[in-house]
Amino acid sequence: MSNRDIAAQLFLSSRTVGYHLYKAYPKLGVGSRGELAALV
């Protein structure tokens, strides 16, 4: 899903979603959304 789609479902702005994903990626040890999908 795109940041815009996620934001719409959670009633947030897409920038808020992007910010939190940006902060979470290093903690999860991934560098992109594709790598994150591979973990799941």
PDB file of N, CA and C in Angstrom:
ATOM      1  N   MET A   1       0.850  -1.191   0.000  1.00  0.00           N
ATOM      2  CA  MET A   1       0.000   0.000   0.000  1.00  0.00           C
ATOM      3  C   MET A   1       0.886   1.243   0.000  1.00  0.00           C
ATOM      4  N   SER A   2       0.374   2.297  -0.557  1.00  0.00           N
ATOM      5  CA  SER A   2       1.107   3.555  -0.551  1.00  0.00           C
ATOM      6  C   SER A   2       0.871   4.285   0.771  1.00  0.00           C
ATOM      7  N   ASN A   3       1.714   5.265   1.036  1.00  0.00           N
ATOM      8  CA  ASN A   3       1.532   6.068   2.251  1.00  0.00           C
ATOM      9  C   ASN A   3       0.164   6.730   2.245  1.00  0.00           C
ATOM     10  N   ARG A   4      -0.285   7.149   1.086  1.00  0.00           N
ATOM     11  CA  ARG A   4      -1.590   7.810   0.974  1.00  0.00           C
ATOM     12  C   ARG A   4      -2.721   6.850   1.344  1.00  0.00           C
ATOM     13  N   ASP A   5      -2.626   5.604   0.873  1.00  0.00           N
ATOM     14  CA  ASP A   5      -3.657   4.604   1.190  1.00  0.00           C
ATOM     15  C   ASP A   5      -3.677   4.275   2.682  1.00  0.00           C
ATOM     16  N   ILE A   6      -2.497   4.112   3.251  1.00  0.00           N
ATOM     17  CA  ILE A   6      -2.390   3.823   4.686  1.00  0.00           C
ATOM     18  C   ILE A   6      -2.967   4.979   5.492  1.00  0.00           C
ATOM     19  N   ALA A   7      -2.606   6.187   5.106  1.00  0.00           N
ATOM     20  CA  ALA A   7      -3.071   7.382   5.818  1.00  0.00           C
ATOM     21  C   ALA A   7      -4.590   7.496   5.772  1.00  0.00           C
ATOM     22  N   ALA A   8      -5.172   7.193   4.643  1.00  0.00           N
ATOM     23  CA  ALA A   8      -6.628   7.283   4.511  1.00  0.00           C
ATOM     24  C   ALA A   8      -7.325   6.306   5.446  1.00  0.00           C
ATOM     25  N   GLN A   9      -6.783   5.112   5.577  1.00  0.00           N
ATOM     26  CA  GLN A   9      -7.401   4.124   6.459  1.00  0.00           C
ATOM     27  C   GLN A   9      -7.247   4.488   7.928  1.00  0.00           C
ATOM     28  N   LEU A  10      -6.144   5.168   8.272  1.00  0.00           N
ATOM     29  CA  LEU A  10      -5.890   5.509   9.674  1.00  0.00           C
ATOM     30  C   LEU A  10      -6.292   6.936  10.032  1.00  0.00           C
ATOM     31  N   PHE A  11      -6.849   7.670   9.052  1.00  0.00           N
ATOM     32  CA  PHE A  11      -7.258   9.062   9.254  1.00  0.00           C
ATOM     33  C   PHE A  11      -6.078   9.929   9.690  1.00  0.00           C
ATOM     34  N   LEU A  12      -4.926   9.751   9.012  1.00  0.00           N
ATOM     35  CA  LEU A  12      -3.719  10.532   9.248  1.00  0.00           C
ATOM     36  C   LEU A  12      -3.294  11.166   7.936  1.00  0.00           C
ATOM     37  N   SER A  13      -2.292  12.037   8.002  1.00  0.00           N
ATOM     38  CA  SER A  13      -1.747  12.571   6.762  1.00  0.00           C
ATOM     39  C   SER A  13      -0.709  11.597   6.220  1.00  0.00           C
ATOM     40  N   SER A  14      -0.494  11.645   4.911  1.00  0.00           N
ATOM     41  CA  SER A  14       0.485  10.741   4.305  1.00  0.00           C
ATOM     42  C   SER A  14       1.892  11.081   4.767  1.00  0.00           C
ATOM     43  N   ARG A  15       2.138  12.343   5.111  1.00  0.00           N
ATOM     44  CA  ARG A  15       3.452  12.732   5.629  1.00  0.00           C
ATOM     45  C   ARG A  15       3.702  12.121   6.999  1.00  0.00           C
ATOM     46  N   THR A  16       2.680  12.002   7.817  1.00  0.00           N
ATOM     47  CA  THR A  16       2.822  11.367   9.134  1.00  0.00           C
ATOM     48  C   THR A  16       3.182   9.897   8.964  1.00  0.00           C
ATOM     49  N   VAL A  17       2.512   9.227   8.050  1.00  0.00           N
ATOM     50  CA  VAL A  17       2.807   7.816   7.792  1.00  0.00           C
ATOM     51  C   VAL A  17       4.243   7.674   7.302  1.00  0.00           C
ATOM     52  N   GLY A  18       4.647   8.525   6.365  1.00  0.00           N
ATOM     53  CA  GLY A  18       6.002   8.481   5.836  1.00  0.00           C
ATOM     54  C   GLY A  18       7.049   8.709   6.907  1.00  0.00           C
ATOM     55  N   TYR A  19       6.789   9.648   7.794  1.00  0.00           N
ATOM     56  CA  TYR A  19       7.722   9.945   8.878  1.00  0.00           C
ATOM     57  C   TYR A  19       7.911   8.731   9.776  1.00  0.00           C
ATOM     58  N   HIS A  20       6.826   8.098  10.160  1.00  0.00           N
ATOM     59  CA  HIS A  20       6.916   6.962  11.075  1.00  0.00           C
ATOM     60  C   HIS A  20       7.567   5.752  10.408  1.00  0.00           C
ATOM     61  N   LEU A  21       7.294   5.532   9.127  1.00  0.00           N
ATOM     62  CA  LEU A  21       7.965   4.450   8.416  1.00  0.00           C
ATOM     63  C   LEU A  21       9.453   4.727   8.313  1.00  0.00           C
ATOM     64  N   TYR A  22       9.822   5.984   8.048  1.00  0.00           N
ATOM     65  CA  TYR A  22      11.225   6.382   7.952  1.00  0.00           C
ATOM     66  C   TYR A  22      11.953   6.104   9.262  1.00  0.00           C
ATOM     67  N   LYS A  23      11.292   6.339  10.375  1.00  0.00           N
ATOM     68  CA  LYS A  23      11.890   6.092  11.686  1.00  0.00           C
ATOM     69  C   LYS A  23      11.926   4.599  12.022  1.00  0.00           C
ATOM     70  N   ALA A  24      10.976   3.829  11.514  1.00  0.00           N
ATOM     71  CA  ALA A  24      10.889   2.407  11.845  1.00  0.00           C
ATOM     72  C   ALA A  24      11.845   1.554  11.024  1.00  0.00           C
ATOM     73  N   TYR A  25      12.141   1.936   9.782  1.00  0.00           N
ATOM     74  CA  TYR A  25      12.990   1.117   8.917  1.00  0.00           C
ATOM     75  C   TYR A  25      14.335   0.775   9.544  1.00  0.00           C
ATOM     76  N   PRO A  26      15.088   1.732  10.083  1.00  0.00           N
ATOM     77  CA  PRO A  26      16.377   1.369  10.689  1.00  0.00           C
ATOM     78  C   PRO A  26      16.229   0.425  11.884  1.00  0.00           C
ATOM     79  N   LYS A  27      15.184   0.585  12.647  1.00  0.00           N
ATOM     80  CA  LYS A  27      14.963  -0.279  13.812  1.00  0.00           C
ATOM     81  C   LYS A  27      14.649  -1.702  13.393  1.00  0.00           C
ATOM     82  N   LEU A  28      14.043  -1.848  12.217  1.00  0.00           N
ATOM     83  CA  LEU A  28      13.712  -3.165  11.694  1.00  0.00           C
ATOM     84  C   LEU A  28      14.831  -3.747  10.836  1.00  0.00           C
ATOM     85  N   GLY A  29      15.827  -2.936  10.554  1.00  0.00           N
ATOM     86  CA  GLY A  29      16.963  -3.395   9.755  1.00  0.00           C
ATOM     87  C   GLY A  29      16.679  -3.469   8.275  1.00  0.00           C
ATOM     88  N   VAL A  30      15.768  -2.642   7.787  1.00  0.00           N
ATOM     89  CA  VAL A  30      15.445  -2.618   6.365  1.00  0.00           C
ATOM     90  C   VAL A  30      15.689  -1.221   5.812  1.00  0.00           C
ATOM     91  N   GLY A  31      15.848  -1.155   4.493  1.00  0.00           N
ATOM     92  CA  GLY A  31      16.106   0.128   3.864  1.00  0.00           C
ATOM     93  C   GLY A  31      15.017   0.600   2.935  1.00  0.00           C
ATOM     94  N   SER A  32      14.038  -0.268   2.674  1.00  0.00           N
ATOM     95  CA  SER A  32      12.979   0.113   1.748  1.00  0.00           C
ATOM     96  C   SER A  32      11.705  -0.678   2.044  1.00  0.00           C
ATOM     97  N   ARG A  33      10.638  -0.255   1.415  1.00  0.00           N
ATOM     98  CA  ARG A  33       9.357  -0.925   1.586  1.00  0.00           C
ATOM     99  C   ARG A  33       9.408  -2.350   1.024  1.00  0.00           C
ATOM    100  N   GLY A  34      10.186  -2.547  -0.035  1.00  0.00           N
ATOM    101  CA  GLY A  34      10.337  -3.880  -0.610  1.00  0.00           C
ATOM    102  C   GLY A  34      10.992  -4.843   0.350  1.00  0.00           C
ATOM    103  N   GLU A  35      12.022  -4.382   1.062  1.00  0.00           N
ATOM    104  CA  GLU A  35      12.681  -5.219   2.050  1.00  0.00           C
ATOM    105  C   GLU A  35      11.739  -5.512   3.215  1.00  0.00           C
ATOM    106  N   LEU A  36      10.928  -4.546   3.564  1.00  0.00           N
ATOM    107  CA  LEU A  36       9.969  -4.731   4.648  1.00  0.00           C
ATOM    108  C   LEU A  36       8.948  -5.806   4.261  1.00  0.00           C
ATOM    109  N   ALA A  37       8.486  -5.783   3.031  1.00  0.00           N
ATOM    110  CA  ALA A  37       7.528  -6.777   2.569  1.00  0.00           C
ATOM    111  C   ALA A  37       8.146  -8.177   2.570  1.00  0.00           C
ATOM    112  N   ALA A  38       9.445  -8.263   2.297  1.00  0.00           N
ATOM    113  CA  ALA A  38      10.116  -9.554   2.275  1.00  0.00           C
ATOM    114  C   ALA A  38      10.210 -10.155   3.684  1.00  0.00           C
ATOM    115  N   LEU A  39      10.230  -9.318   4.710  1.00  0.00           N
ATOM    116  CA  LEU A  39      10.281  -9.806   6.083  1.00  0.00           C
ATOM    117  C   LEU A  39       8.985 -10.500   6.491  1.00  0.00           C
ATOM    118  N   VAL A  40       7.888 -10.022   5.945  1.00  0.00           N
ATOM    119  CA  VAL A  40       6.578 -10.559   6.306  1.00  0.00           C
ATOM    120  C   VAL A  40       6.308 -11.744   5.475  1.00  0.00           C
TER     121      VAL A  40
END
